[in-house]
């Protein structure tokens, strides 16, 4: 998962979707939601016993002295999946028995609030150091250290109890060696500081630095840009350079943008991804033309046309339309017909999504799927969200069958997820294919994820009509 959210992005994501109702497995560092209590103030409960009264130095010394492993639960006060871990997993008797026997466990609050007590405040610096050293980019994050403080495992996202226990049991296996996914980055940075520059890995360095080492982004970007400026046109077709340029919002009059606009097929071959260049082009058009147009056209002061999406049951559908012909003509005149059609369709999806016009949103999203088929493994979440919206708000059988087709394709190509199977089952039920629906709902239950109880309730409703 890209963990830094773009300020402006034309991505179909409703204020309250099926995925949000059932919580995403991982929350990015830029997310925000309901506050959770400071865990150090809570009474001790069954399950994991937390050593929050200790400093990090005390924890490390105690681990060495008692030959125990260290478990750090890095959470944020607004993190929904973090709350789920506390409610469903950390209180589990089997989890508690294992962790209390082999680990010194500490909850590390990674954000700061005005309600933080003195104990949490004493951890501020340690939390910042832990976040930087172990590159904590989302929550919940789990860090497992040896009694000597060596990193043995790092994981992220909600886990059911049996999965979480399995990870912990792997950690304490003799001879355990953790393959740090950022070891290359650390090595490259160390060499960079000594004056050794690997330009062939510079795009990777900048990408990681944007998340965890922001002070390095500017000097690395400047150095790499100067290097690229000395290359001739034939040397630009490398993954390293293409990845670097695509990570920015390019200006439409820039050399970089024109490179993507004019050389799409060759760029797609280099990146081994169909439509890669179009995505970069569309990002610029979105920023320069689409978003300003949507802001100008919107007459509803309640609806934000950029940034966060509205949520809440009190908001009603706004069926107002924008002047799509005007937007189409503007993009066509500057670029071409194909680019205009593609970007206007995406703009419609964004407009209807923000105006809670579910019928038009689902219709437009399905039209885009048909006209511009995506890579299913990359857009599975978005397809599921649109399909769930169709289940909730659409009665047109042809449209529902269209989403059934796409959800079946997603399920067949991607690792199974309970929420996706549940969406598919509900769509089948709504068009009258009830026996098939119950079979797929049972499959969703068998995956054993944290929404299994919800799926069981759905299955009971299906059985009783």
Protein backbone atom coordinates (compact mmCIF):
# COMPACT_ATOMS: atom_id res chain seq x y z
CA UNK A 1 0.00 0.00 0.00
CA UNK A 2 1.22 3.92 -1.09
CA UNK A 3 0.94 5.24 2.18
CA UNK A 4 0.99 9.02 1.68
CA UNK A 5 -2.40 10.15 0.44
CA UNK A 6 -2.46 12.56 -2.51
CA UNK A 7 -4.21 15.86 -1.78
CA UNK A 8 -6.15 15.56 -5.01
CA UNK A 9 -6.86 12.18 -6.57
CA UNK A 10 -9.61 11.00 -8.85
CA UNK A 11 -10.09 7.64 -7.17
CA UNK A 12 -13.53 6.10 -6.62
CA UNK A 13 -13.71 6.05 -2.82
CA UNK A 14 -17.00 6.75 -1.06
CA UNK A 15 -17.18 8.41 2.31
CA UNK A 16 -18.65 5.19 3.64
CA UNK A 17 -17.97 2.06 1.66
CA UNK A 18 -18.04 -1.60 2.44
CA UNK A 19 -14.29 -1.59 3.01
CA UNK A 20 -14.54 1.28 5.47
CA UNK A 21 -17.51 -0.22 7.28
CA UNK A 22 -15.35 -3.29 7.88
CA UNK A 23 -12.16 -1.28 8.42
CA UNK A 24 -9.13 -1.47 6.13
CA UNK A 25 -6.37 -3.74 7.37
CA UNK A 26 -3.80 -0.94 7.41
CA UNK A 27 -4.18 2.77 8.04
CA UNK A 28 -1.65 5.14 6.49
CA UNK A 29 0.26 7.65 8.57
CA UNK A 30 -1.83 10.42 7.05
CA UNK A 31 -5.23 8.94 8.00
CA UNK A 32 -7.47 10.24 10.73
CA UNK A 33 -10.52 8.98 12.62
CA UNK A 34 -12.04 8.62 16.05
CA UNK A 35 -9.67 8.99 19.01
CA UNK A 36 -8.84 5.97 21.13
CA UNK A 37 -7.78 6.19 24.77
CA UNK A 38 -4.22 6.38 25.99
CA UNK A 39 -3.62 2.74 26.80
CA UNK A 40 -1.27 3.44 29.70
CA UNK A 41 -4.25 4.76 31.70
CA UNK A 42 -6.33 1.60 31.29
CA UNK A 43 -6.47 -1.09 33.98
CA UNK A 44 -4.72 -4.34 33.25
CA UNK A 45 -6.85 -6.88 31.44
CA UNK A 46 -6.56 -10.47 30.32
CA UNK A 47 -4.30 -11.01 27.34
CA UNK A 48 -1.01 -9.25 26.74
CA UNK A 49 0.40 -7.50 29.80
CA UNK A 50 1.99 -4.24 28.70
CA UNK A 51 5.16 -2.84 30.24
CA UNK A 52 4.24 0.76 29.44
CA UNK A 53 5.55 2.03 32.76
CA UNK A 54 9.12 1.40 31.57
CA UNK A 55 11.26 3.60 29.36
CA UNK A 56 12.57 2.09 26.13
CA UNK A 57 16.03 1.85 27.67
CA UNK A 58 14.53 0.03 30.67
CA UNK A 59 12.72 -2.34 28.31
CA UNK A 60 15.96 -3.15 26.47
CA UNK A 61 17.87 -3.74 29.71
CA UNK A 62 15.09 -5.90 31.14
CA UNK A 63 14.99 -7.96 27.92
CA UNK A 64 18.72 -8.65 28.12
CA UNK A 65 18.53 -9.46 31.81
CA UNK A 66 15.57 -11.82 31.50
CA UNK A 67 16.49 -13.14 28.03
CA UNK A 68 13.11 -12.10 26.64
CA UNK A 69 12.16 -10.81 23.24
CA UNK A 70 10.70 -7.33 22.74
CA UNK A 71 7.38 -6.62 21.06
CA UNK A 72 6.50 -3.03 20.11
CA UNK A 73 2.92 -2.29 19.06
CA UNK A 74 3.15 1.01 17.17
CA UNK A 75 -0.29 2.60 17.02
CA UNK A 76 -1.99 5.95 16.52
CA UNK A 77 -4.88 7.30 18.58
CA UNK A 78 -7.07 7.64 15.47
CA UNK A 79 -6.35 4.21 13.97
CA UNK A 80 -9.39 1.92 13.53
CA UNK A 81 -7.47 -1.34 12.89
CA UNK A 82 -5.36 -0.55 15.98
CA UNK A 83 -8.55 -0.46 18.04
CA UNK A 84 -9.58 -3.78 16.50
CA UNK A 85 -6.28 -5.36 17.55
CA UNK A 86 -6.87 -4.22 21.13
CA UNK A 87 -10.47 -5.37 21.15
CA UNK A 88 -10.10 -8.72 19.38
CA UNK A 89 -6.50 -9.93 19.45
CA UNK A 90 -4.34 -8.55 22.26
CA UNK A 91 -6.97 -9.66 24.82
CA UNK A 92 -7.02 -13.23 23.48
CA UNK A 93 -5.96 -15.72 26.17
CA UNK A 94 -3.68 -17.73 23.85
CA UNK A 95 -2.03 -14.57 22.56
CA UNK A 96 -1.59 -13.25 26.08
CA UNK A 97 -0.14 -16.50 27.42
CA UNK A 98 2.44 -16.71 24.62
CA UNK A 99 3.49 -13.07 24.64
CA UNK A 100 3.67 -12.81 28.41
CA UNK A 101 5.95 -15.84 28.48
CA UNK A 102 8.38 -14.87 25.74
CA UNK A 103 8.10 -11.09 25.27
CA UNK A 104 8.28 -7.77 27.02
CA UNK A 105 5.47 -5.96 25.26
CA UNK A 106 5.07 -2.20 24.93
CA UNK A 107 2.44 -0.04 23.24
CA UNK A 108 4.10 2.87 21.46
CA UNK A 109 1.86 5.82 20.62
CA UNK A 110 3.22 7.32 17.40
CA UNK A 111 1.11 10.49 17.26
CA UNK A 112 0.69 13.30 19.77
CA UNK A 113 -2.56 14.60 21.28
CA UNK A 114 -3.45 17.25 23.82
CA UNK A 115 -4.77 14.50 26.10
CA UNK A 116 -1.47 12.63 26.39
CA UNK A 117 -0.38 11.97 29.96
CA UNK A 118 3.16 12.35 31.26
CA UNK A 119 4.02 8.72 30.69
CA UNK A 120 3.20 8.91 26.98
CA UNK A 121 5.00 12.24 26.70
CA UNK A 122 8.14 10.62 28.09
CA UNK A 123 7.98 8.23 25.12
CA UNK A 124 7.70 10.98 22.49
CA UNK A 125 11.38 10.95 21.55
CA UNK A 126 11.65 7.16 21.68
CA UNK A 127 8.54 6.89 19.50
CA UNK A 128 10.03 9.30 16.96
CA UNK A 129 13.32 7.37 16.94
CA UNK A 130 11.51 4.04 16.56
CA UNK A 131 9.43 5.40 13.69
CA UNK A 132 12.52 6.62 11.86
CA UNK A 133 14.78 3.66 12.57
CA UNK A 134 12.23 1.02 11.64
CA UNK A 135 10.49 3.11 8.94
CA UNK A 136 6.99 2.89 10.37
CA UNK A 137 4.75 3.99 7.53
CA UNK A 138 1.31 2.71 8.56
CA UNK A 139 -0.64 1.42 11.51
CA UNK A 140 -0.82 -0.85 13.30
CA UNK A 141 2.87 -1.70 12.93
CA UNK A 142 4.42 -4.57 14.85
CA UNK A 143 8.15 -4.65 15.65
CA UNK A 144 9.80 -7.74 17.13
CA UNK A 145 13.32 -7.51 18.59
CA UNK A 146 15.67 -10.12 20.00
CA UNK A 147 16.78 -9.90 23.65
CA UNK A 148 19.86 -8.06 22.35
CA UNK A 149 17.75 -5.60 20.38
CA UNK A 150 18.25 -7.07 16.90
CA UNK A 151 15.31 -6.66 14.53
CA UNK A 152 13.78 -10.08 13.91
CA UNK A 153 10.45 -9.27 12.29
CA UNK A 154 8.36 -6.30 11.26
CA UNK A 155 4.76 -6.48 10.12
CA UNK A 156 1.80 -4.22 9.56
CA UNK A 157 -1.97 -4.33 9.43
CA UNK A 158 -4.75 -6.07 11.30
CA UNK A 159 -4.17 -9.78 11.98
CA UNK A 160 -6.58 -12.32 13.39
CA UNK A 161 -5.34 -14.04 16.56
CA UNK A 162 -4.09 -17.24 14.93
CA UNK A 163 -2.19 -15.29 12.28
CA UNK A 164 -0.66 -12.95 14.84
CA UNK A 165 0.43 -15.90 17.00
CA UNK A 166 1.99 -17.59 14.00
CA UNK A 167 4.13 -14.51 13.32
CA UNK A 168 5.26 -14.34 16.95
CA UNK A 169 6.15 -18.05 17.02
CA UNK A 170 8.29 -17.60 13.93
CA UNK A 171 10.17 -14.79 15.66
CA UNK A 172 11.45 -16.93 18.52
CA UNK A 173 12.75 -19.75 16.31
CA UNK A 174 16.50 -20.31 16.87
CA UNK A 175 18.68 -18.77 14.17
CA UNK A 176 15.96 -16.40 13.03
CA UNK A 177 17.33 -13.81 10.57
CA UNK A 178 15.13 -10.99 9.33
CA UNK A 179 15.49 -9.77 5.76
CA UNK A 180 15.05 -6.02 6.16
CA UNK A 181 13.16 -4.72 3.08
CA UNK A 182 14.95 -1.38 3.46
CA UNK A 183 18.46 -2.79 3.84
CA UNK A 184 19.34 -1.68 0.31
CA UNK A 185 18.10 1.83 1.01
CA UNK A 186 20.14 2.07 4.21
CA UNK A 187 23.24 0.88 2.35
CA UNK A 188 22.70 3.32 -0.52
CA UNK A 189 22.20 6.25 1.87
CA UNK A 190 25.34 5.35 3.81
CA UNK A 191 27.33 5.32 0.57
CA UNK A 192 25.70 8.57 -0.60
CA UNK A 193 26.87 10.28 2.57
CA UNK A 194 30.41 9.15 1.69
CA UNK A 195 30.11 10.65 -1.79
CA UNK A 196 29.31 7.42 -3.63
CA UNK A 197 26.21 7.91 -5.79
CA UNK A 198 24.32 5.07 -7.48
CA UNK A 199 22.26 6.88 -10.12
CA UNK A 200 20.72 3.62 -11.30
CA UNK A 201 18.94 3.32 -7.92
CA UNK A 202 18.24 6.99 -7.35
CA UNK A 203 14.51 6.78 -8.10
CA UNK A 204 14.17 4.05 -5.48
CA UNK A 205 16.08 6.13 -2.95
CA UNK A 206 13.87 9.17 -3.54
CA UNK A 207 10.70 7.08 -3.31
CA UNK A 208 11.68 5.68 0.10
CA UNK A 209 13.00 9.04 1.31
CA UNK A 210 9.62 10.64 0.59
CA UNK A 211 8.11 8.35 3.20
CA UNK A 212 10.79 8.11 5.85
CA UNK A 213 13.64 10.57 5.22
CA UNK A 214 12.07 13.78 3.91
CA UNK A 215 15.21 15.84 4.53
CA UNK A 216 16.97 13.81 1.83
CA UNK A 217 14.29 14.26 -0.85
CA UNK A 218 15.37 17.71 -2.04
CA UNK A 219 19.15 17.07 -2.36
CA UNK A 220 18.61 13.67 -3.98
CA UNK A 221 16.06 15.09 -6.42
CA UNK A 222 18.32 17.97 -7.38
CA UNK A 223 21.31 15.69 -7.87
CA UNK A 224 19.38 13.23 -10.02
CA UNK A 225 17.73 15.98 -12.08
CA UNK A 226 21.15 17.44 -12.91
CA UNK A 227 22.34 13.98 -13.94
CA UNK A 228 19.32 13.40 -16.21
CA UNK A 229 19.66 16.82 -17.87
CA UNK A 230 22.99 15.71 -19.35
CA UNK A 231 21.55 12.57 -20.98
CA UNK A 232 20.43 12.38 -24.59
CA UNK A 233 16.89 11.30 -25.54
CA UNK A 234 17.78 7.63 -26.12
CA UNK A 235 19.08 7.30 -22.54
CA UNK A 236 15.80 8.34 -20.95
CA UNK A 237 14.10 4.98 -21.50
CA UNK A 238 15.10 3.39 -18.21
CA UNK A 239 12.85 2.29 -15.37
CA UNK A 240 14.88 4.38 -12.99
CA UNK A 241 14.28 7.68 -14.81
CA UNK A 242 10.67 6.92 -15.76
CA UNK A 243 9.85 5.98 -12.18
CA UNK A 244 11.48 9.18 -10.92
CA UNK A 245 9.53 11.42 -13.26
CA UNK A 246 6.23 9.59 -12.74
CA UNK A 247 6.50 10.14 -9.00
CA UNK A 248 5.91 13.88 -9.51
CA UNK A 249 3.01 15.94 -10.84
CA UNK A 250 4.54 17.19 -14.07
CA UNK A 251 3.72 20.51 -15.71
CA UNK A 252 2.11 20.09 -19.13
CA UNK A 253 4.71 22.33 -20.77
CA UNK A 254 7.66 20.46 -19.29
CA UNK A 255 10.13 18.20 -21.07
CA UNK A 256 9.15 15.32 -18.79
CA UNK A 257 5.41 15.55 -19.53
CA UNK A 258 5.99 15.68 -23.28
CA UNK A 259 8.17 12.59 -22.94
CA UNK A 260 5.23 10.62 -21.50
CA UNK A 261 2.71 12.17 -23.90
CA UNK A 262 4.63 11.31 -27.08
CA UNK A 263 6.29 8.00 -26.16
CA UNK A 264 3.56 6.05 -24.40
CA UNK A 265 4.02 2.67 -26.07
CA UNK A 266 7.78 2.60 -25.57
CA UNK A 267 7.45 3.71 -21.95
CA UNK A 268 4.84 1.01 -21.30
CA UNK A 269 7.23 -1.60 -22.70
CA UNK A 270 10.05 -0.42 -20.48
CA UNK A 271 7.82 -0.43 -17.39
CA UNK A 272 6.12 -3.68 -18.49
CA UNK A 273 2.75 -2.15 -17.70
CA UNK A 274 0.08 -1.25 -20.22
CA UNK A 275 -1.23 2.29 -19.74
CA UNK A 276 1.63 3.41 -17.50
CA UNK A 277 2.36 6.54 -19.55
CA UNK A 278 -1.34 7.43 -19.82
CA UNK A 279 -1.60 7.38 -16.02
CA UNK A 280 1.18 9.95 -15.74
CA UNK A 281 -0.36 12.13 -18.45
CA UNK A 282 -3.79 11.96 -16.82
CA UNK A 283 -2.35 12.94 -13.44
CA UNK A 284 -1.12 16.21 -14.92
CA UNK A 285 -4.40 16.89 -16.75
CA UNK A 286 -6.30 16.16 -13.56
CA UNK A 287 -4.20 18.65 -11.63
CA UNK A 288 -4.13 21.41 -14.22
CA UNK A 289 -7.56 21.15 -15.84
CA UNK A 290 -10.01 18.73 -14.23
CA UNK A 291 -9.84 19.73 -10.58
CA UNK A 292 -10.07 23.49 -11.27
CA UNK A 293 -13.05 22.76 -13.54
CA UNK A 294 -14.84 20.69 -10.87
CA UNK A 295 -14.25 23.35 -8.23
CA UNK A 296 -15.59 26.06 -10.55
CA UNK A 297 -18.67 24.04 -11.55
CA UNK A 298 -19.68 22.99 -8.05
CA UNK A 299 -22.46 25.13 -6.58
CA UNK A 300 -23.00 23.14 -3.39
CA UNK A 301 -20.99 24.81 -0.58
CA UNK A 302 -21.16 21.67 1.55
CA UNK A 303 -19.30 19.50 -0.96
CA UNK A 304 -15.48 19.67 -1.07
CA UNK A 305 -14.17 19.01 -4.57
CA UNK A 306 -10.69 18.10 -3.40
CA UNK A 307 -9.21 16.30 -0.43
CA UNK A 308 -11.43 14.44 2.01
CA UNK A 309 -14.82 13.02 1.05
CA UNK A 310 -18.07 13.69 2.86
CA UNK A 311 -19.51 10.93 5.00
CA UNK A 312 -22.56 10.55 7.19
CA UNK A 313 -26.14 9.44 6.73
CA UNK A 314 -27.48 13.00 6.85
CA UNK A 315 -26.01 13.94 3.45
CA UNK A 316 -28.42 13.56 0.54
CA UNK A 317 -27.89 12.94 -3.16
CA UNK A 318 -27.09 16.05 -5.18
CA UNK A 319 -28.11 15.40 -8.80
CA UNK A 320 -26.58 18.56 -10.25
CA UNK A 321 -24.42 18.22 -13.36
CA UNK A 322 -21.29 19.95 -14.61
CA UNK A 323 -20.81 21.31 -18.13
CA UNK A 324 -19.09 18.18 -19.44
CA UNK A 325 -19.05 19.41 -23.03
CA UNK A 326 -17.01 22.41 -21.95
CA UNK A 327 -14.44 20.23 -20.19
CA UNK A 328 -14.31 17.81 -23.13
CA UNK A 329 -13.68 20.59 -25.63
CA UNK A 330 -10.96 22.17 -23.50
CA UNK A 331 -9.02 18.91 -23.12
CA UNK A 332 -9.57 17.88 -26.74
CA UNK A 333 -8.35 21.22 -28.07
CA UNK A 334 -5.17 21.03 -25.98
CA UNK A 335 -4.48 17.32 -26.48
CA UNK A 336 -6.73 14.95 -28.46
CA UNK A 337 -10.11 13.20 -28.53
CA UNK A 338 -9.00 10.01 -26.77
CA UNK A 339 -7.40 11.89 -23.88
CA UNK A 340 -10.50 14.09 -23.60
CA UNK A 341 -12.91 11.13 -23.47
CA UNK A 342 -10.81 9.31 -20.90
CA UNK A 343 -10.41 12.26 -18.55
CA UNK A 344 -14.00 13.46 -18.79
CA UNK A 345 -15.21 9.98 -17.84
CA UNK A 346 -12.89 9.96 -14.83
CA UNK A 347 -14.03 13.48 -13.92
CA UNK A 348 -17.65 12.32 -13.98
CA UNK A 349 -16.85 9.50 -11.58
CA UNK A 350 -15.25 11.98 -9.21
CA UNK A 351 -18.12 14.45 -9.50
CA UNK A 352 -20.85 11.87 -8.88
CA UNK A 353 -18.90 10.29 -6.07
CA UNK A 354 -18.54 13.61 -4.25
CA UNK A 355 -22.20 14.49 -4.86
CA UNK A 356 -23.42 11.11 -3.58
CA UNK A 357 -25.14 10.45 -6.89
CA UNK A 358 -24.75 6.69 -6.57
CA UNK A 359 -26.69 5.70 -9.66
CA UNK A 360 -24.65 7.96 -11.94
CA UNK A 361 -21.41 7.04 -10.16
CA UNK A 362 -21.93 3.30 -10.62
CA UNK A 363 -22.99 3.78 -14.24
CA UNK A 364 -19.92 5.90 -15.05
CA UNK A 365 -17.50 3.62 -13.24
CA UNK A 366 -18.86 0.59 -15.07
CA UNK A 367 -18.52 2.47 -18.35
CA UNK A 368 -14.87 3.15 -17.60
CA UNK A 369 -14.24 -0.50 -16.77
CA UNK A 370 -15.68 -1.50 -20.15
CA UNK A 371 -13.89 1.15 -22.20
CA UNK A 372 -10.57 1.10 -20.33
CA UNK A 373 -10.17 -2.35 -18.71
CA UNK A 374 -7.76 -2.05 -15.76
CA UNK A 375 -5.20 -4.47 -14.38
CA UNK A 376 -7.40 -6.32 -11.92
CA UNK A 377 -4.71 -6.96 -9.35
CA UNK A 378 -4.10 -3.21 -9.10
CA UNK A 379 -7.72 -2.01 -9.08
CA UNK A 380 -9.44 -4.81 -7.20
CA UNK A 381 -10.19 -2.66 -4.15
CA UNK A 382 -11.73 0.11 -6.24
CA UNK A 383 -13.83 -2.31 -8.27
CA UNK A 384 -15.09 -3.87 -5.06
CA UNK A 385 -16.02 -0.47 -3.63
CA UNK A 386 -17.97 0.45 -6.77
CA UNK A 387 -19.65 -2.96 -6.84
CA UNK A 388 -20.67 -2.61 -3.21
CA UNK A 389 -22.17 0.80 -3.97
CA UNK A 390 -24.08 -0.81 -6.84
CA UNK A 391 -25.44 -3.48 -4.50
CA UNK A 392 -26.60 -0.85 -2.02
CA UNK A 393 -28.06 1.71 -4.42
CA UNK A 394 -28.70 0.26 -7.89
CA UNK A 395 -31.73 -1.77 -8.98
CA UNK A 396 -31.01 -1.94 -12.71
CA UNK A 397 -30.39 -5.63 -13.36
CA UNK A 398 -28.14 -5.06 -16.38
CA UNK A 399 -25.84 -2.83 -14.33
CA UNK A 400 -25.79 -5.26 -11.44
CA UNK A 401 -24.89 -8.10 -13.81
CA UNK A 402 -22.10 -5.91 -15.17
CA UNK A 403 -20.61 -5.62 -11.70
CA UNK A 404 -21.10 -9.34 -11.11
CA UNK A 405 -18.95 -9.99 -14.17
CA UNK A 406 -16.16 -7.71 -12.92
CA UNK A 407 -16.23 -9.03 -9.36
CA UNK A 408 -15.98 -12.58 -10.67
CA UNK A 409 -12.93 -11.55 -12.70
CA UNK A 410 -11.35 -9.89 -9.64
CA UNK A 411 -11.97 -12.95 -7.46
CA UNK A 412 -10.51 -15.29 -10.09
CA UNK A 413 -7.30 -13.31 -10.54
CA UNK A 414 -6.49 -12.08 -7.04
CA UNK A 415 -5.87 -13.65 -3.62
CA UNK A 416 -9.25 -14.19 -1.94
CA UNK A 417 -10.57 -11.55 0.45
CA UNK A 418 -13.69 -12.07 2.51
CA UNK A 419 -15.15 -8.66 1.73
CA UNK A 420 -14.77 -9.26 -2.02
CA UNK A 421 -16.52 -12.64 -1.84
CA UNK A 422 -19.23 -11.03 0.28
CA UNK A 423 -19.77 -8.30 -2.32
CA UNK A 424 -20.02 -10.91 -5.07
CA UNK A 425 -22.47 -12.96 -3.02
CA UNK A 426 -24.69 -9.98 -2.26
CA UNK A 427 -24.81 -8.97 -5.93
CA UNK A 428 -25.79 -12.50 -6.91
CA UNK A 429 -28.53 -12.50 -4.30
CA UNK A 430 -29.90 -9.16 -5.48
CA UNK A 431 -30.35 -10.42 -9.07
CA UNK A 432 -32.10 -13.56 -7.86
CA UNK A 433 -29.24 -16.10 -8.00
CA UNK A 434 -29.81 -17.01 -4.36
CA UNK A 435 -28.27 -20.49 -4.21
CA UNK A 436 -25.04 -19.26 -5.77
CA UNK A 437 -25.07 -16.30 -3.41
CA UNK A 438 -25.22 -18.50 -0.32
CA UNK A 439 -22.37 -20.69 -1.59
CA UNK A 440 -20.14 -17.64 -2.03
CA UNK A 441 -21.14 -16.19 1.33
CA UNK A 442 -20.11 -19.47 2.94
CA UNK A 443 -16.75 -19.17 1.18
CA UNK A 444 -16.35 -15.68 2.62
CA UNK A 445 -16.99 -17.06 6.10
CA UNK A 446 -14.46 -19.88 5.63
CA UNK A 447 -11.68 -17.38 5.01
CA UNK A 448 -11.87 -16.71 8.73
CA UNK A 449 -11.12 -13.01 8.67
CA UNK A 450 -12.39 -10.51 11.26
CA UNK A 451 -15.65 -9.89 9.37
CA UNK A 452 -16.68 -13.57 9.56
CA UNK A 453 -19.43 -12.85 12.10
CA UNK A 454 -20.87 -10.20 9.82
CA UNK A 455 -20.80 -12.62 6.91
CA UNK A 456 -22.58 -15.26 9.02
CA UNK A 457 -25.32 -12.75 9.77
CA UNK A 458 -25.62 -11.99 6.07
CA UNK A 459 -25.88 -15.68 5.25
CA UNK A 460 -28.69 -16.09 7.77
CA UNK A 461 -30.57 -13.22 6.16
CA UNK A 462 -30.12 -14.87 2.76
CA UNK A 463 -31.45 -18.17 4.06
CA UNK A 464 -34.56 -16.52 5.49
CA UNK A 465 -35.23 -14.30 2.53
